[in-house]
């Protein structure tokens, strides 16, 4: 009976961890210009949503609960729109 309980425990543990692999992630990064200078105030948006962030004085941003398949759209006045998959 202990063997069956051990197999059942392994199965349940595996089933418990599978949903966590598909969960949303925290994404962070830095937006820079062609010369490597930080872009302050750039908009970083999860494509197709209203979820976004604005870069800080170091050009850095953080987004939480981003789906694994999300595309980020980065915009800043005077620059061409960037897309990150």
PDB file of N, CA and C in Angstrom:
ATOM      1  N   UNK A   1       0.818  -1.202   0.000  1.00  0.00           N
ATOM      2  CA  UNK A   1       0.000   0.000   0.000  1.00  0.00           C
ATOM      3  C   UNK A   1       0.860   1.264   0.000  1.00  0.00           C
ATOM      4  N   UNK A   2       2.020   1.217   0.628  1.00  0.00           N
ATOM      5  CA  UNK A   2       2.896   2.386   0.661  1.00  0.00           C
ATOM      6  C   UNK A   2       3.396   2.757  -0.726  1.00  0.00           C
ATOM      7  N   UNK A   3       3.595   1.755  -1.586  1.00  0.00           N
ATOM      8  CA  UNK A   3       4.049   2.007  -2.947  1.00  0.00           C
ATOM      9  C   UNK A   3       2.985   2.789  -3.725  1.00  0.00           C
ATOM     10  N   UNK A   4       1.738   2.418  -3.568  1.00  0.00           N
ATOM     11  CA  UNK A   4       0.638   3.116  -4.243  1.00  0.00           C
ATOM     12  C   UNK A   4       0.519   4.539  -3.716  1.00  0.00           C
ATOM     13  N   UNK A   5       0.664   4.717  -2.413  1.00  0.00           N
ATOM     14  CA  UNK A   5       0.599   6.053  -1.823  1.00  0.00           C
ATOM     15  C   UNK A   5       1.733   6.923  -2.337  1.00  0.00           C
ATOM     16  N   UNK A   6       2.927   6.357  -2.487  1.00  0.00           N
ATOM     17  CA  UNK A   6       4.072   7.118  -2.993  1.00  0.00           C
ATOM     18  C   UNK A   6       3.849   7.543  -4.442  1.00  0.00           C
ATOM     19  N   UNK A   7       3.327   6.635  -5.252  1.00  0.00           N
ATOM     20  CA  UNK A   7       3.046   6.967  -6.658  1.00  0.00           C
ATOM     21  C   UNK A   7       1.971   8.040  -6.740  1.00  0.00           C
ATOM     22  N   UNK A   8       0.942   7.911  -5.935  1.00  0.00           N
ATOM     23  CA  UNK A   8      -0.120   8.912  -5.910  1.00  0.00           C
ATOM     24  C   UNK A   8       0.417  10.270  -5.474  1.00  0.00           C
ATOM     25  N   UNK A   9       1.287  10.263  -4.459  1.00  0.00           N
ATOM     26  CA  UNK A   9       1.886  11.520  -3.966  1.00  0.00           C
ATOM     27  C   UNK A   9       2.710  12.182  -5.077  1.00  0.00           C
ATOM     28  N   UNK A  10       3.510  11.405  -5.807  1.00  0.00           N
ATOM     29  CA  UNK A  10       4.301  11.959  -6.914  1.00  0.00           C
ATOM     30  C   UNK A  10       3.400  12.546  -7.991  1.00  0.00           C
ATOM     31  N   UNK A  11       2.344  11.836  -8.322  1.00  0.00           N
ATOM     32  CA  UNK A  11       1.404  12.310  -9.335  1.00  0.00           C
ATOM     33  C   UNK A  11       0.757  13.622  -8.908  1.00  0.00           C
ATOM     34  N   UNK A  12       0.289  13.694  -7.670  1.00  0.00           N
ATOM     35  CA  UNK A  12      -0.358  14.911  -7.178  1.00  0.00           C
ATOM     36  C   UNK A  12       0.621  16.081  -7.108  1.00  0.00           C
ATOM     37  N   UNK A  13       1.848  15.807  -6.719  1.00  0.00           N
ATOM     38  CA  UNK A  13       2.866  16.858  -6.669  1.00  0.00           C
ATOM     39  C   UNK A  13       3.134  17.403  -8.064  1.00  0.00           C
ATOM     40  N   UNK A  14       3.236  16.510  -9.039  1.00  0.00           N
ATOM     41  CA  UNK A  14       3.450  16.937 -10.419  1.00  0.00           C
ATOM     42  C   UNK A  14       2.281  17.777 -10.911  1.00  0.00           C
ATOM     43  N   UNK A  15       1.070  17.362 -10.646  1.00  0.00           N
ATOM     44  CA  UNK A  15      -0.107  18.112 -11.067  1.00  0.00           C
ATOM     45  C   UNK A  15      -0.166  19.475 -10.391  1.00  0.00           C
ATOM     46  N   UNK A  16       0.330  19.568  -9.168  1.00  0.00           N
ATOM     47  CA  UNK A  16       0.330  20.836  -8.430  1.00  0.00           C
ATOM     48  C   UNK A  16       1.302  21.829  -9.053  1.00  0.00           C
ATOM     49  N   UNK A  17       2.437  21.352  -9.574  1.00  0.00           N
ATOM     50  CA  UNK A  17       3.459  22.251 -10.113  1.00  0.00           C
ATOM     51  C   UNK A  17       3.211  22.653 -11.561  1.00  0.00           C
ATOM     52  N   UNK A  18       2.434  21.891 -12.312  1.00  0.00           N
ATOM     53  CA  UNK A  18       2.194  22.232 -13.717  1.00  0.00           C
ATOM     54  C   UNK A  18       1.568  23.601 -13.908  1.00  0.00           C
ATOM     55  N   UNK A  19       0.526  23.979 -13.160  1.00  0.00           N
ATOM     56  CA  UNK A  19      -0.048  25.308 -13.375  1.00  0.00           C
ATOM     57  C   UNK A  19       0.931  26.441 -13.096  1.00  0.00           C
ATOM     58  N   UNK A  20       1.880  26.237 -12.187  1.00  0.00           N
ATOM     59  CA  UNK A  20       2.821  27.307 -11.867  1.00  0.00           C
ATOM     60  C   UNK A  20       3.742  27.607 -13.037  1.00  0.00           C
ATOM     61  N   UNK A  21       3.989  26.653 -13.923  1.00  0.00           N
ATOM     62  CA  UNK A  21       4.846  26.886 -15.073  1.00  0.00           C
ATOM     63  C   UNK A  21       4.186  27.824 -16.077  1.00  0.00           C
ATOM     64  N   UNK A  22       2.861  27.897 -16.087  1.00  0.00           N
ATOM     65  CA  UNK A  22       2.141  28.720 -17.043  1.00  0.00           C
ATOM     66  C   UNK A  22       1.741  30.075 -16.459  1.00  0.00           C
ATOM     67  N   UNK A  23       2.173  30.363 -15.247  1.00  0.00           N
ATOM     68  CA  UNK A  23       1.776  31.613 -14.617  1.00  0.00           C
ATOM     69  C   UNK A  23       2.473  32.802 -15.256  1.00  0.00           C
ATOM     70  N   UNK A  24       1.911  33.969 -14.989  1.00  0.00           N
ATOM     71  CA  UNK A  24       2.473  35.208 -15.498  1.00  0.00           C
ATOM     72  C   UNK A  24       3.790  35.514 -14.790  1.00  0.00           C
ATOM     73  N   UNK A  25       4.606  36.339 -15.428  1.00  0.00           N
ATOM     74  CA  UNK A  25       5.933  36.649 -14.903  1.00  0.00           C
ATOM     75  C   UNK A  25       6.096  38.145 -14.678  1.00  0.00           C
ATOM     76  N   UNK A  26       7.132  38.494 -13.940  1.00  0.00           N
ATOM     77  CA  UNK A  26       7.551  39.880 -13.800  1.00  0.00           C
ATOM     78  C   UNK A  26       8.645  40.116 -14.832  1.00  0.00           C
ATOM     79  N   UNK A  27       8.486  41.176 -15.605  1.00  0.00           N
ATOM     80  CA  UNK A  27       9.437  41.508 -16.664  1.00  0.00           C
ATOM     81  C   UNK A  27      10.028  42.868 -16.356  1.00  0.00           C
ATOM     82  N   UNK A  28      11.344  42.966 -16.438  1.00  0.00           N
ATOM     83  CA  UNK A  28      11.989  44.259 -16.236  1.00  0.00           C
ATOM     84  C   UNK A  28      13.081  44.419 -17.284  1.00  0.00           C
ATOM     85  N   UNK A  29      13.448  45.650 -17.532  1.00  0.00           N
ATOM     86  CA  UNK A  29      14.476  45.898 -18.525  1.00  0.00           C
ATOM     87  C   UNK A  29      14.887  47.353 -18.538  1.00  0.00           C
ATOM     88  N   UNK A  30      15.685  47.702 -19.515  1.00  0.00           N
ATOM     89  CA  UNK A  30      16.181  49.066 -19.649  1.00  0.00           C
ATOM     90  C   UNK A  30      16.049  49.479 -21.109  1.00  0.00           C
ATOM     91  N   UNK A  31      15.514  50.668 -21.329  1.00  0.00           N
ATOM     92  CA  UNK A  31      15.361  51.212 -22.681  1.00  0.00           C
ATOM     93  C   UNK A  31      16.485  52.217 -22.893  1.00  0.00           C
ATOM     94  N   UNK A  32      17.265  52.003 -23.962  1.00  0.00           N
ATOM     95  CA  UNK A  32      18.386  52.891 -24.263  1.00  0.00           C
ATOM     96  C   UNK A  32      18.321  53.338 -25.711  1.00  0.00           C
ATOM     97  N   UNK A  33      18.976  54.450 -25.973  1.00  0.00           N
ATOM     98  CA  UNK A  33      19.085  54.964 -27.331  1.00  0.00           C
ATOM     99  C   UNK A  33      20.241  54.310 -28.063  1.00  0.00           C
ATOM    100  N   UNK A  34      20.486  54.745 -29.279  1.00  0.00           N
ATOM    101  CA  UNK A  34      21.533  54.162 -30.125  1.00  0.00           C
ATOM    102  C   UNK A  34      22.921  54.283 -29.497  1.00  0.00           C
ATOM    103  N   UNK A  35      23.148  55.321 -28.718  1.00  0.00           N
ATOM    104  CA  UNK A  35      24.452  55.531 -28.082  1.00  0.00           C
ATOM    105  C   UNK A  35      24.532  54.918 -26.695  1.00  0.00           C
ATOM    106  N   UNK A  36      23.488  54.201 -26.285  1.00  0.00           N
ATOM    107  CA  UNK A  36      23.487  53.566 -24.974  1.00  0.00           C
ATOM    108  C   UNK A  36      22.959  54.438 -23.848  1.00  0.00           C
ATOM    109  N   UNK A  37      22.529  55.654 -24.175  1.00  0.00           N
ATOM    110  CA  UNK A  37      21.996  56.543 -23.142  1.00  0.00           C
ATOM    111  C   UNK A  37      20.594  56.099 -22.733  1.00  0.00           C
ATOM    112  N   UNK A  38      20.284  56.241 -21.454  1.00  0.00           N
ATOM    113  CA  UNK A  38      18.977  55.853 -20.935  1.00  0.00           C
ATOM    114  C   UNK A  38      17.891  56.736 -21.525  1.00  0.00           C
ATOM    115  N   UNK A  39      16.770  56.133 -21.893  1.00  0.00           N
ATOM    116  CA  UNK A  39      15.620  56.880 -22.396  1.00  0.00           C
ATOM    117  C   UNK A  39      14.651  57.040 -21.226  1.00  0.00           C
ATOM    118  N   UNK A  40      14.525  58.257 -20.749  1.00  0.00           N
ATOM    119  CA  UNK A  40      13.676  58.563 -19.601  1.00  0.00           C
ATOM    120  C   UNK A  40      12.267  58.869 -20.086  1.00  0.00           C
ATOM    121  N   UNK A  41      11.264  58.219 -19.494  1.00  0.00           N
ATOM    122  CA  UNK A  41       9.876  58.500 -19.819  1.00  0.00           C
ATOM    123  C   UNK A  41       9.335  57.754 -21.023  1.00  0.00           C
ATOM    124  N   UNK A  42      10.025  56.713 -21.473  1.00  0.00           N
ATOM    125  CA  UNK A  42       9.498  55.888 -22.567  1.00  0.00           C
ATOM    126  C   UNK A  42       8.337  55.057 -22.033  1.00  0.00           C
ATOM    127  N   UNK A  43       7.365  54.788 -22.876  1.00  0.00           N
ATOM    128  CA  UNK A  43       6.218  53.968 -22.488  1.00  0.00           C
ATOM    129  C   UNK A  43       6.456  52.529 -22.921  1.00  0.00           C
ATOM    130  N   UNK A  44       6.269  51.592 -21.991  1.00  0.00           N
ATOM    131  CA  UNK A  44       6.399  50.164 -22.265  1.00  0.00           C
ATOM    132  C   UNK A  44       5.034  49.551 -21.993  1.00  0.00           C
ATOM    133  N   UNK A  45       4.408  49.003 -23.028  1.00  0.00           N
ATOM    134  CA  UNK A  45       3.036  48.509 -22.932  1.00  0.00           C
ATOM    135  C   UNK A  45       2.961  47.053 -23.368  1.00  0.00           C
ATOM    136  N   UNK A  46       2.181  46.251 -22.623  1.00  0.00           N
ATOM    137  CA  UNK A  46       1.897  44.881 -23.049  1.00  0.00           C
ATOM    138  C   UNK A  46       0.884  44.999 -24.186  1.00  0.00           C
ATOM    139  N   UNK A  47       1.280  44.553 -25.371  1.00  0.00           N
ATOM    140  CA  UNK A  47       0.457  44.714 -26.569  1.00  0.00           C
ATOM    141  C   UNK A  47      -0.942  44.137 -26.372  1.00  0.00           C
ATOM    142  N   UNK A  48      -1.949  44.914 -26.777  1.00  0.00           N
ATOM    143  CA  UNK A  48      -3.336  44.477 -26.694  1.00  0.00           C
ATOM    144  C   UNK A  48      -3.975  44.673 -25.330  1.00  0.00           C
ATOM    145  N   UNK A  49      -3.259  45.319 -24.405  1.00  0.00           N
ATOM    146  CA  UNK A  49      -3.793  45.567 -23.066  1.00  0.00           C
ATOM    147  C   UNK A  49      -3.584  47.035 -22.703  1.00  0.00           C
ATOM    148  N   UNK A  50      -4.044  47.401 -21.522  1.00  0.00           N
ATOM    149  CA  UNK A  50      -3.770  48.739 -20.983  1.00  0.00           C
ATOM    150  C   UNK A  50      -2.682  48.670 -19.921  1.00  0.00           C
ATOM    151  N   UNK A  51      -2.048  47.514 -19.786  1.00  0.00           N
ATOM    152  CA  UNK A  51      -1.002  47.329 -18.790  1.00  0.00           C
ATOM    153  C   UNK A  51       0.313  47.869 -19.320  1.00  0.00           C
ATOM    154  N   UNK A  52       0.926  48.755 -18.557  1.00  0.00           N
ATOM    155  CA  UNK A  52       2.188  49.316 -19.006  1.00  0.00           C
ATOM    156  C   UNK A  52       2.946  49.986 -17.895  1.00  0.00           C
ATOM    157  N   UNK A  53       4.090  50.536 -18.259  1.00  0.00           N
ATOM    158  CA  UNK A  53       4.951  51.242 -17.314  1.00  0.00           C
ATOM    159  C   UNK A  53       5.695  52.332 -18.071  1.00  0.00           C
ATOM    160  N   UNK A  54       6.244  53.255 -17.319  1.00  0.00           N
ATOM    161  CA  UNK A  54       7.069  54.320 -17.878  1.00  0.00           C
ATOM    162  C   UNK A  54       8.475  54.161 -17.321  1.00  0.00           C
ATOM    163  N   UNK A  55       9.483  54.342 -18.172  1.00  0.00           N
ATOM    164  CA  UNK A  55      10.856  54.183 -17.712  1.00  0.00           C
ATOM    165  C   UNK A  55      11.246  55.291 -16.740  1.00  0.00           C
ATOM    166  N   UNK A  56      12.110  54.936 -15.787  1.00  0.00           N
ATOM    167  CA  UNK A  56      12.571  55.898 -14.784  1.00  0.00           C
ATOM    168  C   UNK A  56      13.786  56.669 -15.302  1.00  0.00           C
ATOM    169  N   UNK A  57      14.460  57.403 -14.425  1.00  0.00           N
ATOM    170  CA  UNK A  57      15.599  58.232 -14.844  1.00  0.00           C
ATOM    171  C   UNK A  57      16.787  57.415 -15.333  1.00  0.00           C
ATOM    172  N   UNK A  58      16.790  56.117 -15.050  1.00  0.00           N
ATOM    173  CA  UNK A  58      17.843  55.228 -15.535  1.00  0.00           C
ATOM    174  C   UNK A  58      17.398  54.456 -16.779  1.00  0.00           C
ATOM    175  N   UNK A  59      16.171  54.734 -17.265  1.00  0.00           N
ATOM    176  CA  UNK A  59      15.636  54.036 -18.425  1.00  0.00           C
ATOM    177  C   UNK A  59      15.075  52.666 -18.099  1.00  0.00           C
ATOM    178  N   UNK A  60      14.927  52.360 -16.813  1.00  0.00           N
ATOM    179  CA  UNK A  60      14.473  51.041 -16.387  1.00  0.00           C
ATOM    180  C   UNK A  60      12.967  51.001 -16.164  1.00  0.00           C
ATOM    181  N   UNK A  61      12.390  49.808 -16.361  1.00  0.00           N
ATOM    182  CA  UNK A  61      10.960  49.602 -16.131  1.00  0.00           C
ATOM    183  C   UNK A  61      10.753  48.214 -15.546  1.00  0.00           C
ATOM    184  N   UNK A  62       9.594  48.019 -14.905  1.00  0.00           N
ATOM    185  CA  UNK A  62       9.197  46.713 -14.388  1.00  0.00           C
ATOM    186  C   UNK A  62       7.707  46.547 -14.621  1.00  0.00           C
ATOM    187  N   UNK A  63       7.333  45.395 -15.167  1.00  0.00           N
ATOM    188  CA  UNK A  63       5.931  45.033 -15.379  1.00  0.00           C
ATOM    189  C   UNK A  63       5.675  43.726 -14.644  1.00  0.00           C
ATOM    190  N   UNK A  64       4.556  43.633 -13.952  1.00  0.00           N
ATOM    191  CA  UNK A  64       4.209  42.400 -13.250  1.00  0.00           C
ATOM    192  C   UNK A  64       3.029  41.725 -13.937  1.00  0.00           C
ATOM    193  N   UNK A  65       2.907  40.446 -13.689  1.00  0.00           N
ATOM    194  CA  UNK A  65       1.811  39.634 -14.233  1.00  0.00           C
ATOM    195  C   UNK A  65       1.741  39.705 -15.758  1.00  0.00           C
ATOM    196  N   UNK A  66       2.885  39.547 -16.401  1.00  0.00           N
ATOM    197  CA  UNK A  66       2.963  39.574 -17.867  1.00  0.00           C
ATOM    198  C   UNK A  66       2.850  38.137 -18.384  1.00  0.00           C
ATOM    199  N   UNK A  67       1.898  37.858 -19.270  1.00  0.00           N
ATOM    200  CA  UNK A  67       1.775  36.512 -19.830  1.00  0.00           C
ATOM    201  C   UNK A  67       3.045  36.097 -20.584  1.00  0.00           C
ATOM    202  N   UNK A  68       3.351  34.814 -20.567  1.00  0.00           N
ATOM    203  CA  UNK A  68       4.566  34.299 -21.211  1.00  0.00           C
ATOM    204  C   UNK A  68       4.587  34.580 -22.707  1.00  0.00           C
ATOM    205  N   UNK A  69       3.431  34.699 -23.327  1.00  0.00           N
ATOM    206  CA  UNK A  69       3.367  34.920 -24.777  1.00  0.00           C
ATOM    207  C   UNK A  69       3.219  36.399 -25.147  1.00  0.00           C
ATOM    208  N   UNK A  70       3.375  37.281 -24.185  1.00  0.00           N
ATOM    209  CA  UNK A  70       3.132  38.708 -24.417  1.00  0.00           C
ATOM    210  C   UNK A  70       4.178  39.332 -25.337  1.00  0.00           C
ATOM    211  N   UNK A  71       3.758  40.382 -26.025  1.00  0.00           N
ATOM    212  CA  UNK A  71       4.631  41.226 -26.820  1.00  0.00           C
ATOM    213  C   UNK A  71       4.642  42.600 -26.176  1.00  0.00           C
ATOM    214  N   UNK A  72       5.830  43.168 -25.980  1.00  0.00           N
ATOM    215  CA  UNK A  72       5.943  44.512 -25.412  1.00  0.00           C
ATOM    216  C   UNK A  72       6.120  45.524 -26.532  1.00  0.00           C
ATOM    217  N   UNK A  73       5.435  46.653 -26.408  1.00  0.00           N
ATOM    218  CA  UNK A  73       5.544  47.738 -27.373  1.00  0.00           C
ATOM    219  C   UNK A  73       6.141  48.937 -26.642  1.00  0.00           C
ATOM    220  N   UNK A  74       7.244  49.462 -27.161  1.00  0.00           N
ATOM    221  CA  UNK A  74       7.950  50.569 -26.521  1.00  0.00           C
ATOM    222  C   UNK A  74       7.835  51.792 -27.416  1.00  0.00           C
ATOM    223  N   UNK A  75       7.309  52.870 -26.848  1.00  0.00           N
ATOM    224  CA  UNK A  75       7.149  54.110 -27.615  1.00  0.00           C
ATOM    225  C   UNK A  75       7.782  55.275 -26.870  1.00  0.00           C
ATOM    226  N   UNK A  76       8.276  56.235 -27.658  1.00  0.00           N
ATOM    227  CA  UNK A  76       8.849  57.455 -27.100  1.00  0.00           C
ATOM    228  C   UNK A  76       8.810  58.504 -28.203  1.00  0.00           C
ATOM    229  N   UNK A  77       8.393  59.692 -27.861  1.00  0.00           N
ATOM    230  CA  UNK A  77       8.260  60.762 -28.835  1.00  0.00           C
ATOM    231  C   UNK A  77       9.593  61.019 -29.545  1.00  0.00           C
ATOM    232  N   UNK A  78       9.567  60.981 -30.856  1.00  0.00           N
ATOM    233  CA  UNK A  78      10.760  61.224 -31.638  1.00  0.00           C
ATOM    234  C   UNK A  78      11.540  59.971 -32.013  1.00  0.00           C
ATOM    235  N   UNK A  79      11.110  58.823 -31.509  1.00  0.00           N
ATOM    236  CA  UNK A  79      11.776  57.555 -31.814  1.00  0.00           C
ATOM    237  C   UNK A  79      10.805  56.626 -32.534  1.00  0.00           C
ATOM    238  N   UNK A  80      11.341  55.719 -33.311  1.00  0.00           N
ATOM    239  CA  UNK A  80      10.547  54.694 -33.972  1.00  0.00           C
ATOM    240  C   UNK A  80      10.056  53.695 -32.908  1.00  0.00           C
ATOM    241  N   UNK A  81       8.806  53.226 -33.028  1.00  0.00           N
ATOM    242  CA  UNK A  81       8.228  52.269 -32.079  1.00  0.00           C
ATOM    243  C   UNK A  81       9.023  50.966 -32.112  1.00  0.00           C
ATOM    244  N   UNK A  82       9.337  50.444 -30.925  1.00  0.00           N
ATOM    245  CA  UNK A  82      10.054  49.170 -30.820  1.00  0.00           C
ATOM    246  C   UNK A  82       9.118  48.067 -30.333  1.00  0.00           C
ATOM    247  N   UNK A  83       9.337  46.868 -30.821  1.00  0.00           N
ATOM    248  CA  UNK A  83       8.516  45.726 -30.413  1.00  0.00           C
ATOM    249  C   UNK A  83       9.449  44.642 -29.892  1.00  0.00           C
ATOM    250  N   UNK A  84       9.112  44.087 -28.724  1.00  0.00           N
ATOM    251  CA  UNK A  84       9.905  43.031 -28.100  1.00  0.00           C
ATOM    252  C   UNK A  84       9.016  41.829 -27.894  1.00  0.00           C
ATOM    253  N   UNK A  85       9.409  40.673 -28.401  1.00  0.00           N
ATOM    254  CA  UNK A  85       8.627  39.440 -28.235  1.00  0.00           C
ATOM    255  C   UNK A  85       9.170  38.653 -27.083  1.00  0.00           C
TER     256      UNK A  85
END
